[in-house]
C-alpha atoms as a PDB file:
ATOM      1  CA  MET A   1     142.484  44.944 100.083  1.00  0.00           C
ATOM      2  CA  LEU A   2     144.060  45.096 103.506  1.00  0.00           C
ATOM      3  CA  ASP A   3     142.460  43.162 106.305  1.00  0.00           C
ATOM      4  CA  TRP A   4     140.950  45.080 109.369  1.00  0.00           C
ATOM      5  CA  LYS A   5     143.954  44.585 111.582  1.00  0.00           C
ATOM      6  CA  GLU A   6     146.327  45.843 108.809  1.00  0.00           C
ATOM      7  CA  GLN A   7     144.195  48.812 108.147  1.00  0.00           C
ATOM      8  CA  TYR A   8     144.080  49.846 111.836  1.00  0.00           C
ATOM      9  CA  GLN A   9     147.947  49.702 111.817  1.00  0.00           C
ATOM     10  CA  HIS A  10     148.268  51.574 108.530  1.00  0.00           C
ATOM     11  CA  PRO A  11     149.798  55.176 108.548  1.00  0.00           C
ATOM     12  CA  HIS A  12     146.842  56.600 106.737  1.00  0.00           C
ATOM     13  CA  TRP A  13     144.479  55.441 109.589  1.00  0.00           C
ATOM     14  CA  GLN A  14     146.974  56.536 112.257  1.00  0.00           C
ATOM     15  CA  ARG A  15     147.037  60.103 110.821  1.00  0.00           C
ATOM     16  CA  LYS A  16     143.323  60.283 110.512  1.00  0.00           C
ATOM     17  CA  LYS A  17     142.745  58.899 113.923  1.00  0.00           C
ATOM     18  CA  HIS A  18     144.995  61.446 115.464  1.00  0.00           C
ATOM     19  CA  ALA A  19     143.386  64.279 113.557  1.00  0.00           C
ATOM     20  CA  ILE A  20     139.898  63.138 114.921  1.00  0.00           C
ATOM     21  CA  LEU A  21     141.188  62.888 118.501  1.00  0.00           C
ATOM     22  CA  ASN A  22     142.625  66.427 118.036  1.00  0.00           C
ATOM     23  CA  ARG A  23     139.431  67.853 116.571  1.00  0.00           C
ATOM     24  CA  ASP A  24     137.570  66.391 119.611  1.00  0.00           C
ATOM     25  CA  ASP A  25     140.023  67.848 122.054  1.00  0.00           C
ATOM     26  CA  TYR A  26     140.997  64.312 123.175  1.00  0.00           C
ATOM     27  CA  SER A  27     137.693  63.925 124.961  1.00  0.00           C
ATOM     28  CA  CYS A  28     134.691  61.512 124.617  1.00  0.00           C
ATOM     29  CA  ARG A  29     131.892  63.150 122.591  1.00  0.00           C
ATOM     30  CA  ILE A  30     129.328  61.410 124.774  1.00  0.00           C
ATOM     31  CA  CYS A  31     130.589  61.840 128.303  1.00  0.00           C
ATOM     32  CA  GLY A  32     133.492  64.203 128.082  1.00  0.00           C
ATOM     33  CA  GLU A  33     135.886  61.753 129.567  1.00  0.00           C
ATOM     34  CA  THR A  34     139.684  62.431 129.037  1.00  0.00           C
ATOM     35  CA  GLU A  35     141.436  60.179 131.412  1.00  0.00           C
ATOM     36  CA  VAL A  36     140.634  56.782 129.948  1.00  0.00           C
ATOM     37  CA  GLN A  37     141.561  55.116 126.664  1.00  0.00           C
ATOM     38  CA  LEU A  38     139.963  57.042 123.828  1.00  0.00           C
ATOM     39  CA  ASP A  39     138.875  55.304 120.495  1.00  0.00           C
ATOM     40  CA  VAL A  40     137.803  56.839 117.232  1.00  0.00           C
ATOM     41  CA  HIS A  41     134.526  55.180 116.392  1.00  0.00           C
ATOM     42  CA  HIS A  42     133.115  54.811 112.831  1.00  0.00           C
ATOM     43  CA  LEU A  43     129.423  56.034 112.495  1.00  0.00           C
ATOM     44  CA  TYR A  44     129.460  54.222 109.071  1.00  0.00           C
ATOM     45  CA  TYR A  45     131.969  52.644 106.718  1.00  0.00           C
ATOM     46  CA  GLU A  46     132.462  53.265 103.058  1.00  0.00           C
ATOM     47  CA  LYS A  47     131.464  50.242 100.872  1.00  0.00           C
ATOM     48  CA  ASP A  48     134.505  48.681  99.422  1.00  0.00           C
ATOM     49  CA  GLY A  49     136.717  51.410 101.073  1.00  0.00           C
ATOM     50  CA  HIS A  50     139.439  51.512 103.581  1.00  0.00           C
ATOM     51  CA  ILE A  51     138.598  52.482 107.160  1.00  0.00           C
ATOM     52  CA  TRP A  52     140.310  55.895 106.520  1.00  0.00           C
ATOM     53  CA  ASP A  53     138.067  56.653 103.618  1.00  0.00           C
ATOM     54  CA  VAL A  54     135.174  57.743 105.869  1.00  0.00           C
ATOM     55  CA  ASP A  55     134.622  61.579 105.950  1.00  0.00           C
ATOM     56  CA  ASP A  56     135.649  63.147 109.217  1.00  0.00           C
ATOM     57  CA  ASP A  57     132.034  63.871 110.153  1.00  0.00           C
ATOM     58  CA  GLY A  58     131.567  59.982 110.227  1.00  0.00           C
ATOM     59  CA  LEU A  59     134.149  59.592 112.931  1.00  0.00           C
ATOM     60  CA  VAL A  60     133.747  60.446 116.625  1.00  0.00           C
ATOM     61  CA  THR A  61     136.027  60.146 119.708  1.00  0.00           C
ATOM     62  CA  LEU A  62     134.604  57.944 122.325  1.00  0.00           C
ATOM     63  CA  CYS A  63     136.006  56.612 125.663  1.00  0.00           C
ATOM     64  CA  LYS A  64     136.388  52.797 125.910  1.00  0.00           C
ATOM     65  CA  ASN A  65     133.182  52.662 128.176  1.00  0.00           C
ATOM     66  CA  CYS A  66     130.815  54.717 125.852  1.00  0.00           C
ATOM     67  CA  HIS A  67     132.342  52.814 122.845  1.00  0.00           C
ATOM     68  CA  LYS A  68     131.473  49.508 124.424  1.00  0.00           C
ATOM     69  CA  LYS A  69     127.982  50.738 125.187  1.00  0.00           C
ATOM     70  CA  ILE A  70     127.419  51.838 121.510  1.00  0.00           C
ATOM     71  CA  HIS A  71     128.617  48.490 120.239  1.00  0.00           C
ATOM     72  CA  ASP A  72     126.546  46.542 122.761  1.00  0.00           C
ATOM     73  CA  GLY A  73     123.361  48.450 121.817  1.00  0.00           C
ATOM     74  CA  LEU A  74     123.989  49.044 118.111  1.00  0.00           C
ATOM     75  CA  SER A  75     122.174  45.944 116.709  1.00  0.00           C
ATOM     76  CA  LYS A  76     119.142  46.316 118.944  1.00  0.00           C
ATOM     77  CA  LEU A  77     118.938  50.012 118.257  1.00  0.00           C
ATOM     78  CA  SER A  78     119.221  49.666 114.469  1.00  0.00           C
ATOM     79  CA  GLY A  79     116.528  46.989 114.446  1.00  0.00           C
ATOM     80  CA  ILE A  80     114.032  49.176 116.431  1.00  0.00           C
ATOM     81  CA  ILE A  81     114.732  52.233 114.242  1.00  0.00           C
ATOM     82  CA  ALA A  82     114.338  50.248 110.997  1.00  0.00           C
ATOM     83  CA  PHE A  83     111.125  48.802 112.186  1.00  0.00           C
ATOM     84  CA  LYS A  84     109.741  52.214 113.254  1.00  0.00           C
ATOM     85  CA  ILE A  85     110.684  53.732 109.862  1.00  0.00           C
ATOM     86  CA  LEU A  86     109.136  50.846 107.800  1.00  0.00           C
ATOM     87  CA  SER A  87     106.008  50.665 109.868  1.00  0.00           C
ATOM     88  CA  GLY A  88     105.410  54.359 109.484  1.00  0.00           C
ATOM     89  CA  GLU A  89     105.889  55.175 113.234  1.00  0.00           C
ATOM     90  CA  LEU A  90     108.925  57.322 112.518  1.00  0.00           C
ATOM     91  CA  ASP A  91     109.345  59.605 109.584  1.00  0.00           C
ATOM     92  CA  ALA A  92     113.025  59.819 108.740  1.00  0.00           C
ATOM     93  CA  THR A  93     112.771  61.694 105.517  1.00  0.00           C
ATOM     94  CA  ASP A  94     114.365  64.790 106.742  1.00  0.00           C
ATOM     95  CA  LEU A  95     117.142  62.760 108.505  1.00  0.00           C
ATOM     96  CA  ILE A  96     117.850  60.548 105.505  1.00  0.00           C
ATOM     97  CA  ASP A  97     118.435  63.669 103.336  1.00  0.00           C
ATOM     98  CA  THR A  98     121.202  64.917 105.654  1.00  0.00           C
ATOM     99  CA  LEU A  99     123.102  61.588 105.809  1.00  0.00           C
ATOM    100  CA  PRO A 100     126.290  61.128 103.971  1.00  0.00           C
ATOM    101  CA  LYS A 101     126.029  59.458 100.731  1.00  0.00           C
ATOM    102  CA  ILE A 102     127.534  55.879 101.002  1.00  0.00           C
ATOM    103  CA  LYS A 103     129.190  54.734  97.859  1.00  0.00           C
END
């Protein structure tokens, strides 16, 4: 298996990345920014897969600022959501049924 750096340089990822940027009209899906660095963010990864194995709906275009905000808050947010689901404060049954199946 290729390491992360090799996967991000691989032609398969480069093609997929550009397809997602094109789909999203080269603008951040959160703030609409178009004039700064744009990244393609993974909403999830496929277990034992390559970074380009994720379905297109699992990838979004984000500007570098929104991308940083997502990564800075991701751990905290996932912990809060997991607690609320497990404690019964949040019913995620409908949401879980709509999530892509992870291998």
